[in-house]
Amino acid sequence: MTINLTTTRRPALIEAFTAPQGFGDATLRDRRADAIELLGGIPDPSVLPTEKLAAATARVLSRSGVPALQYSRTEGISPLREWIADREGVAVDRILITNGGFHGLSLAIQAVVERGDLVAVDNPIFPLFLRGLQLSDARTLPVFVGPRGLDVDHLSDLLRAGARPSALYTVPDFHNPSQGTLPGEARRELVRLAEHYGFVVLADNPYRELRFAGHQKSVEEFNNSDHVLHINTFTKTLGPGLRLGWAVAPEHLARDLVALRSRQDSHSSTLVQAIIGELLTSEPGIFDDILERARLLYRDRAQTLVAALHREAPGAFETVLPDGGLFLWPKLTNPAIDADKLAADASTEGVEYQRGSFFPSGPGTDADRHLRLAYGDVPEPKLEEAAARLGRALARHPK
């Protein structure tokens, strides 16, 4: 039942993490000069609050003594933590500021996972988490992820069969890569299972604020449990270059995480924290105003991409229009199409994307029959052109 992805998939993982595709500088790839890249979950520059950040920076640097250029507390500065705690609905002493989402995950792994532990993970999974998990030499237990997020029934079956993970990793909102979102009842059942079987849920939630359709899912179930470590970031909303995120820790883990962090890099940039804190507290509702512009833009781009795919390659894909996030996960309908050859042909036509096989998966998935198309930083005319190029690439394959 157990598939050790960090062992059995190691050659593929090493290739994924060392090749520039999807992670490194785009200039390192051989590609057409006019290539359209649908590769990464990158926010569009037009919806990042550059002017407001500049004004906040000026105010922060004009303060007497410039405290933002000094050392600060390991857990983060008070105004920012208080704003996050209020938004998350938790006590401020449960908030730890981190250097982005992956840093929060790394700290969580070190605090929760002992060497050689079993860790339940999304199947398919974004490879970056496995890279962090390799440091603990953990074994992995794949749990199927579908259009409604993590399959909690599958997890329950594995637990009843005797699996005893120390932690479970999932992306509950707008999953990367499969775009699914965990429903409210499934969230409650996941927390119940964690509390009953004694594992910690590592809920990685960088896309949560980017919902542009349907109803926002509550995180109350996560934040009210002492078996959930909830991780988020400003990467997708205010800008990846800020490298700032946070963890909502259970009370019994909060001090351990702070102690662990104090033995590493001590604290996140005081200046960046102060700037973001100044921005978010400068006027009521400013963050939601920023989000609203982003949500409308990503909604239009997701709709454009889905419509263009069906127009340019009719019948070639099964799609589900996203309710949020930055990814579309279309499935090839024709089993005769070689997905790897299609990616190569698409590259020749001038469109780049992540193949489903890029994302490590265990049994029971069809990830290799999918494409992950990222639309966040691609204008609508280019999305339409990308679909046309993909249609031309598909024309080289069997009908």
Protein backbone atom coordinates (compact mmCIF):
# COMPACT_ATOMS: atom_id res chain seq x y z
CA MET A 1 0.00 0.00 0.00
CA THR A 2 2.86 2.38 0.78
CA ILE A 3 4.73 3.99 -2.09
CA ASN A 4 7.93 5.77 -1.13
CA LEU A 5 7.88 8.55 -3.68
CA THR A 6 11.12 10.02 -2.39
CA THR A 7 12.82 6.72 -3.18
CA THR A 8 10.99 5.10 -6.07
CA ARG A 9 10.62 8.36 -7.98
CA ARG A 10 14.03 9.77 -7.12
CA PRO A 11 15.46 9.91 -10.69
CA ALA A 12 12.40 11.83 -11.89
CA LEU A 13 12.52 14.13 -8.87
CA ILE A 14 16.18 14.94 -9.34
CA GLU A 15 15.51 15.81 -12.97
CA ALA A 16 12.55 17.98 -12.01
CA PHE A 17 14.46 19.89 -9.36
CA THR A 18 17.67 20.41 -11.29
CA ALA A 19 16.28 21.16 -14.75
CA PRO A 20 15.40 24.81 -15.30
CA GLN A 21 11.88 23.95 -16.49
CA GLY A 22 9.39 25.32 -14.01
CA PHE A 23 11.91 26.36 -11.34
CA GLY A 24 14.88 28.22 -12.71
CA ASP A 25 15.57 31.19 -14.91
CA ALA A 26 13.61 30.94 -18.16
CA THR A 27 16.64 32.21 -20.08
CA LEU A 28 18.42 28.91 -19.40
CA ARG A 29 16.04 27.00 -21.72
CA ASP A 30 16.42 26.65 -25.45
CA ARG A 31 13.13 28.02 -26.70
CA ARG A 32 11.55 30.14 -29.38
CA ALA A 33 12.03 33.85 -28.94
CA ASP A 34 8.25 34.30 -29.07
CA ALA A 35 7.48 31.39 -26.74
CA ILE A 36 4.39 31.69 -24.55
CA GLU A 37 5.05 30.22 -21.11
CA LEU A 38 2.25 28.69 -19.06
CA LEU A 39 4.71 27.25 -16.58
CA GLY A 40 4.55 28.76 -13.10
CA GLY A 41 2.04 30.06 -10.58
CA ILE A 42 3.21 33.65 -11.08
CA PRO A 43 1.00 36.60 -10.12
CA ASP A 44 0.48 39.25 -12.75
CA PRO A 45 2.54 42.41 -12.12
CA SER A 46 -0.47 44.60 -12.91
CA VAL A 47 -2.35 43.47 -9.78
CA LEU A 48 0.58 43.74 -7.38
CA PRO A 49 0.32 46.92 -5.25
CA THR A 50 3.59 48.50 -6.37
CA GLU A 51 2.62 52.12 -5.76
CA LYS A 52 1.13 51.39 -2.36
CA LEU A 53 4.20 49.35 -1.41
CA ALA A 54 6.44 52.23 -2.48
CA ALA A 55 4.43 54.68 -0.35
CA ALA A 56 4.48 52.28 2.61
CA THR A 57 8.24 51.89 2.23
CA ALA A 58 8.75 55.64 2.29
CA ARG A 59 6.70 55.98 5.47
CA VAL A 60 8.55 53.14 7.17
CA LEU A 61 11.97 54.54 6.30
CA SER A 62 11.04 58.06 7.41
CA ARG A 63 10.40 57.05 11.02
CA SER A 64 12.75 58.31 13.66
CA GLY A 65 15.58 55.88 14.32
CA VAL A 66 14.41 53.71 11.38
CA PRO A 67 13.46 50.70 13.57
CA ALA A 68 12.71 48.69 10.43
CA LEU A 69 16.45 48.46 9.77
CA GLN A 70 17.15 46.83 13.12
CA TYR A 71 16.82 43.30 14.47
CA SER A 72 13.39 42.10 15.52
CA ARG A 73 11.68 39.19 17.29
CA THR A 74 11.93 35.66 15.92
CA GLU A 75 8.16 35.26 15.67
CA GLY A 76 7.78 38.52 13.75
CA ILE A 77 6.84 42.13 14.42
CA SER A 78 3.63 42.87 16.29
CA PRO A 79 1.58 44.98 13.84
CA LEU A 80 1.90 42.38 11.08
CA ARG A 81 1.28 39.38 13.33
CA GLU A 82 -1.75 41.09 14.86
CA TRP A 83 -3.23 41.78 11.42
CA ILE A 84 -2.70 38.16 10.35
CA ALA A 85 -4.06 36.79 13.62
CA ASP A 86 -7.21 38.89 13.23
CA ARG A 87 -7.71 37.67 9.66
CA GLU A 88 -7.12 34.05 10.66
CA GLY A 89 -9.30 34.33 13.77
CA VAL A 90 -6.63 33.07 16.19
CA ALA A 91 -4.53 34.36 19.08
CA VAL A 92 -1.50 36.32 17.96
CA ASP A 93 0.92 34.03 19.81
CA ARG A 94 0.05 31.28 17.31
CA ILE A 95 1.39 33.30 14.35
CA LEU A 96 4.97 32.81 13.15
CA ILE A 97 6.23 34.98 10.29
CA THR A 98 8.24 33.01 7.70
CA ASN A 99 10.24 33.62 4.54
CA GLY A 100 7.42 32.50 2.27
CA GLY A 101 5.34 29.35 2.19
CA PHE A 102 8.06 26.79 1.61
CA HIS A 103 10.00 28.09 4.60
CA GLY A 104 6.91 27.50 6.72
CA LEU A 105 6.66 23.95 5.37
CA SER A 106 10.34 23.32 6.06
CA LEU A 107 9.94 24.41 9.68
CA ALA A 108 6.82 22.28 9.99
CA ILE A 109 8.63 19.20 8.69
CA GLN A 110 11.47 19.70 11.14
CA ALA A 111 9.07 20.20 14.04
CA VAL A 112 6.69 17.33 13.30
CA VAL A 113 8.43 14.64 11.23
CA GLU A 114 11.03 12.37 12.80
CA ARG A 115 13.62 10.67 10.60
CA GLY A 116 12.09 7.75 8.74
CA ASP A 117 8.48 8.67 9.63
CA LEU A 118 5.58 7.92 7.34
CA VAL A 119 4.00 11.07 5.87
CA ALA A 120 0.74 11.02 3.91
CA VAL A 121 0.89 13.29 0.85
CA ASP A 122 -1.23 14.51 -2.04
CA ASN A 123 -1.23 12.19 -5.07
CA PRO A 124 -0.26 13.84 -7.41
CA ILE A 125 1.89 16.28 -5.46
CA PHE A 126 3.83 19.46 -6.13
CA PRO A 127 7.47 18.26 -6.02
CA LEU A 128 8.82 21.08 -3.87
CA PHE A 129 7.32 19.58 -0.72
CA LEU A 130 9.10 16.28 -1.40
CA ARG A 131 12.36 18.14 -1.70
CA GLY A 132 11.90 19.41 1.85
CA LEU A 133 10.74 16.01 3.04
CA GLN A 134 13.89 14.30 1.75
CA LEU A 135 15.88 15.95 4.54
CA SER A 136 14.00 13.80 7.06
CA ASP A 137 14.38 10.62 4.97
CA ALA A 138 10.64 10.15 5.41
CA ARG A 139 8.52 7.52 3.73
CA THR A 140 5.48 8.73 1.83
CA LEU A 141 1.90 7.47 1.69
CA PRO A 142 0.13 8.80 -1.43
CA VAL A 143 -3.51 9.82 -0.97
CA PHE A 144 -5.53 10.46 -4.11
CA VAL A 145 -6.40 14.06 -4.99
CA GLY A 146 -9.22 14.80 -7.43
CA PRO A 147 -11.58 17.58 -8.48
CA ARG A 148 -12.73 17.92 -4.84
CA GLY A 149 -9.26 17.94 -3.33
CA LEU A 150 -7.82 15.28 -1.07
CA ASP A 151 -9.86 12.04 -1.08
CA VAL A 152 -10.58 11.82 2.63
CA ASP A 153 -12.40 8.50 2.16
CA HIS A 154 -9.24 7.02 0.63
CA LEU A 155 -7.22 8.36 3.55
CA SER A 156 -9.70 6.84 6.00
CA ASP A 157 -9.36 3.45 4.28
CA LEU A 158 -5.57 3.61 4.54
CA LEU A 159 -5.75 4.51 8.22
CA ARG A 160 -8.20 1.73 8.98
CA ALA A 161 -5.87 -0.68 7.17
CA GLY A 162 -3.10 0.22 9.62
CA ALA A 163 -1.21 3.18 8.10
CA ARG A 164 0.06 5.49 10.85
CA PRO A 165 1.52 8.69 9.38
CA SER A 166 2.99 11.31 11.67
CA ALA A 167 1.82 14.06 9.30
CA LEU A 168 -0.29 14.65 6.21
CA TYR A 169 0.52 17.26 3.57
CA THR A 170 -2.18 18.75 1.34
CA VAL A 171 -3.02 21.90 -0.60
CA PRO A 172 -6.68 22.35 0.41
CA ASP A 173 -7.65 25.28 -1.83
CA PHE A 174 -7.10 25.29 -5.62
CA HIS A 175 -4.69 22.40 -5.46
CA ASN A 176 -1.41 22.51 -7.34
CA PRO A 177 -1.49 20.87 -9.85
CA SER A 178 -5.05 19.51 -9.98
CA GLN A 179 -6.96 22.75 -9.15
CA GLY A 180 -9.42 20.98 -6.79
CA THR A 181 -10.66 22.40 -3.48
CA LEU A 182 -11.49 20.38 -0.38
CA PRO A 183 -15.19 20.80 0.59
CA GLY A 184 -16.17 21.90 4.08
CA GLU A 185 -17.44 18.52 5.24
CA ALA A 186 -14.26 16.84 4.00
CA ARG A 187 -12.18 19.40 5.93
CA ARG A 188 -14.03 18.55 9.09
CA GLU A 189 -13.57 14.83 8.51
CA LEU A 190 -9.85 15.31 7.77
CA VAL A 191 -9.42 17.13 11.09
CA ARG A 192 -11.42 14.42 12.88
CA LEU A 193 -9.14 11.74 11.41
CA ALA A 194 -6.02 13.70 12.40
CA GLU A 195 -7.25 14.03 15.96
CA HIS A 196 -8.35 10.40 16.17
CA TYR A 197 -5.19 8.86 14.69
CA GLY A 198 -2.74 11.41 16.09
CA PHE A 199 -1.15 12.93 12.99
CA VAL A 200 -0.62 16.60 12.12
CA VAL A 201 -2.14 18.10 8.97
CA LEU A 202 0.24 20.42 7.12
CA ALA A 203 -2.27 22.57 5.22
CA ASP A 204 -0.40 24.49 2.53
CA ASN A 205 -2.71 27.29 1.39
CA PRO A 206 -0.99 29.84 -0.90
CA TYR A 207 -3.91 30.17 -3.35
CA ARG A 208 -6.77 30.45 -0.86
CA GLU A 209 -7.30 34.20 -1.27
CA LEU A 210 -7.57 33.93 -5.06
CA ARG A 211 -11.12 32.55 -5.23
CA PHE A 212 -13.06 34.19 -8.06
CA ALA A 213 -16.15 31.94 -8.21
CA GLY A 214 -18.27 30.02 -5.72
CA HIS A 215 -18.12 30.39 -1.95
CA GLN A 216 -14.98 30.82 0.11
CA LYS A 217 -14.21 27.72 2.17
CA SER A 218 -13.74 28.26 5.87
CA VAL A 219 -10.38 27.65 7.51
CA GLU A 220 -11.98 27.61 10.94
CA GLU A 221 -11.75 23.81 11.07
CA PHE A 222 -8.00 24.03 10.50
CA ASN A 223 -7.27 26.94 12.81
CA ASN A 224 -9.35 25.55 15.68
CA SER A 225 -7.57 22.19 15.80
CA ASP A 226 -4.36 21.38 17.65
CA HIS A 227 -3.64 18.81 14.93
CA VAL A 228 -3.33 21.29 12.02
CA LEU A 229 -0.42 23.52 11.07
CA HIS A 230 -1.86 26.02 8.58
CA ILE A 231 0.63 27.70 6.24
CA ASN A 232 0.10 30.69 3.96
CA THR A 233 2.10 33.34 2.13
CA PHE A 234 1.91 36.77 0.53
CA THR A 235 3.71 35.34 -2.52
CA LYS A 236 0.64 35.05 -4.75
CA THR A 237 -1.09 38.23 -3.54
CA LEU A 238 1.55 40.90 -2.85
CA GLY A 239 4.56 39.52 -4.73
CA PRO A 240 6.94 36.54 -4.67
CA GLY A 241 10.00 38.74 -4.28
CA LEU A 242 8.88 39.86 -0.84
CA ARG A 243 9.53 36.32 0.48
CA LEU A 244 7.12 36.64 3.35
CA GLY A 245 4.54 34.24 4.70
CA TRP A 246 3.21 32.88 7.97
CA ALA A 247 2.25 29.77 9.86
CA VAL A 248 -0.75 29.35 12.14
CA ALA A 249 0.64 26.88 14.66
CA PRO A 250 -1.25 24.80 17.20
CA GLU A 251 -0.61 26.18 20.68
CA HIS A 252 1.46 23.15 21.68
CA LEU A 253 3.79 23.64 18.66
CA ALA A 254 4.07 27.44 18.55
CA ARG A 255 6.96 27.74 21.02
CA ASP A 256 8.81 24.81 19.44
CA LEU A 257 8.61 26.47 16.01
CA VAL A 258 9.90 29.76 17.41
CA ALA A 259 12.76 27.97 19.19
CA LEU A 260 13.61 26.10 16.00
CA ARG A 261 13.57 29.30 13.96
CA SER A 262 15.76 31.11 16.50
CA ARG A 263 18.47 28.51 15.89
CA GLN A 264 18.44 29.13 12.16
CA ASP A 265 18.08 32.56 10.51
CA SER A 266 16.64 34.22 13.64
CA HIS A 267 13.85 36.17 11.91
CA SER A 268 12.48 37.38 8.60
CA SER A 269 13.51 40.76 7.22
CA THR A 270 12.37 43.46 9.63
CA LEU A 271 12.15 45.90 6.75
CA VAL A 272 9.89 43.71 4.60
CA GLN A 273 7.69 42.91 7.58
CA ALA A 274 7.38 46.58 8.46
CA ILE A 275 6.52 47.55 4.88
CA ILE A 276 3.81 44.91 4.54
CA GLY A 277 2.48 45.67 8.01
CA GLU A 278 2.32 49.36 7.11
CA LEU A 279 0.57 48.58 3.83
CA LEU A 280 -2.06 46.28 5.36
CA THR A 281 -2.89 48.54 8.29
CA SER A 282 -2.77 51.86 6.42
CA GLU A 283 -6.45 51.82 5.50
CA PRO A 284 -9.37 49.47 6.24
CA GLY A 285 -10.01 46.81 3.60
CA ILE A 286 -6.94 47.57 1.53
CA PHE A 287 -5.92 43.92 1.22
CA ASP A 288 -9.37 42.88 0.00
CA ASP A 289 -9.31 45.72 -2.54
CA ILE A 290 -5.99 44.40 -3.86
CA LEU A 291 -7.40 40.88 -3.98
CA GLU A 292 -10.55 41.93 -5.81
CA ARG A 293 -8.56 43.30 -8.76
CA ALA A 294 -6.51 40.10 -8.90
CA ARG A 295 -9.54 37.82 -8.68
CA LEU A 296 -11.31 39.54 -11.57
CA LEU A 297 -8.21 39.35 -13.73
CA TYR A 298 -7.57 35.67 -13.04
CA ARG A 299 -11.25 34.81 -13.52
CA ASP A 300 -11.22 36.37 -16.99
CA ARG A 301 -7.98 34.61 -17.90
CA ALA A 302 -9.20 31.22 -16.72
CA GLN A 303 -12.41 31.60 -18.71
CA THR A 304 -10.51 32.74 -21.79
CA LEU A 305 -8.11 29.82 -21.64
CA VAL A 306 -10.82 27.19 -21.23
CA ALA A 307 -12.87 28.64 -24.08
CA ALA A 308 -9.82 28.90 -26.34
CA LEU A 309 -8.78 25.29 -25.72
CA HIS A 310 -12.21 23.99 -26.72
CA ARG A 311 -12.32 26.28 -29.75
CA GLU A 312 -8.81 25.50 -31.02
CA ALA A 313 -8.75 21.79 -30.08
CA PRO A 314 -12.40 20.67 -29.99
CA GLY A 315 -12.88 17.41 -28.13
CA ALA A 316 -9.19 17.10 -27.24
CA PHE A 317 -9.52 17.99 -23.55
CA GLU A 318 -11.74 17.47 -20.55
CA THR A 319 -11.68 20.66 -18.50
CA VAL A 320 -13.20 22.00 -15.30
CA LEU A 321 -13.38 25.77 -15.12
CA PRO A 322 -11.41 26.79 -12.01
CA ASP A 323 -13.12 28.59 -9.14
CA GLY A 324 -9.83 30.23 -8.21
CA GLY A 325 -6.08 29.87 -8.14
CA LEU A 326 -3.64 30.10 -11.02
CA PHE A 327 -3.85 26.70 -12.74
CA LEU A 328 -5.92 24.73 -15.22
CA TRP A 329 -5.56 20.91 -15.23
CA PRO A 330 -7.01 19.72 -18.56
CA LYS A 331 -7.03 16.01 -19.40
CA LEU A 332 -6.28 14.55 -22.81
CA THR A 333 -9.32 12.63 -24.00
CA ASN A 334 -7.51 10.51 -26.60
CA PRO A 335 -5.39 7.74 -25.00
CA ALA A 336 -3.46 7.33 -28.25
CA ILE A 337 -1.80 10.73 -27.83
CA ASP A 338 1.74 10.55 -26.46
CA ALA A 339 1.74 13.24 -23.77
CA ASP A 340 5.52 13.63 -23.78
CA LYS A 341 5.65 13.99 -27.56
CA LEU A 342 2.81 16.50 -27.38
CA ALA A 343 4.81 18.62 -24.96
CA ALA A 344 7.79 18.53 -27.32
CA ASP A 345 5.61 19.42 -30.32
CA ALA A 346 3.97 22.22 -28.34
CA SER A 347 7.40 23.58 -27.48
CA THR A 348 8.29 23.56 -31.18
CA GLU A 349 5.11 25.52 -31.84
CA GLY A 350 6.13 27.99 -29.13
CA VAL A 351 4.05 27.13 -26.07
CA GLU A 352 5.55 25.78 -22.84
CA TYR A 353 3.70 24.11 -19.98
CA GLN A 354 4.22 21.53 -17.27
CA ARG A 355 3.39 17.96 -18.21
CA GLY A 356 1.30 16.06 -15.73
CA SER A 357 4.12 13.54 -15.41
CA PHE A 358 6.25 16.31 -13.88
CA PHE A 359 4.24 15.90 -10.68
CA PRO A 360 5.15 12.76 -8.71
CA SER A 361 2.24 10.41 -8.28
CA GLY A 362 1.54 6.99 -6.88
CA PRO A 363 -1.05 4.46 -8.01
CA GLY A 364 -4.59 5.40 -8.91
CA THR A 365 -3.96 8.67 -10.75
CA ASP A 366 -3.95 9.68 -14.39
CA ALA A 367 -1.64 12.66 -13.87
CA ASP A 368 0.42 11.73 -16.92
CA ARG A 369 -2.67 12.35 -19.11
CA HIS A 370 -2.97 15.93 -17.88
CA LEU A 371 -1.34 19.26 -18.65
CA ARG A 372 -0.86 21.95 -16.04
CA LEU A 373 -1.46 25.31 -17.67
CA ALA A 374 -0.63 28.40 -15.58
CA TYR A 375 -2.51 31.53 -16.65
CA GLY A 376 -1.70 34.03 -13.89
CA ASP A 377 0.82 36.22 -15.70
CA VAL A 378 -0.29 35.62 -19.30
CA PRO A 379 -2.56 38.22 -20.99
CA GLU A 380 -5.72 36.96 -22.66
CA PRO A 381 -4.54 37.43 -26.29
CA LYS A 382 -1.48 35.30 -25.51
CA LEU A 383 -3.65 32.66 -23.85
CA GLU A 384 -5.71 32.46 -27.03
CA GLU A 385 -2.56 32.21 -29.12
CA ALA A 386 -1.16 29.54 -26.79
CA ALA A 387 -4.33 27.49 -27.32
CA ALA A 388 -4.00 27.90 -31.09
CA ARG A 389 -0.40 26.69 -30.96
CA LEU A 390 -1.40 23.76 -28.78
CA GLY A 391 -4.10 22.94 -31.32
CA ARG A 392 -1.48 22.87 -34.08
CA ALA A 393 0.70 20.59 -31.98
CA LEU A 394 -2.24 18.25 -31.42
CA ALA A 395 -2.89 18.12 -35.17
CA ARG A 396 0.34 16.11 -35.54
CA HIS A 397 -1.09 13.34 -33.36
CA PRO A 398 -3.67 10.58 -33.98
CA LYS A 399 -7.32 11.66 -34.03
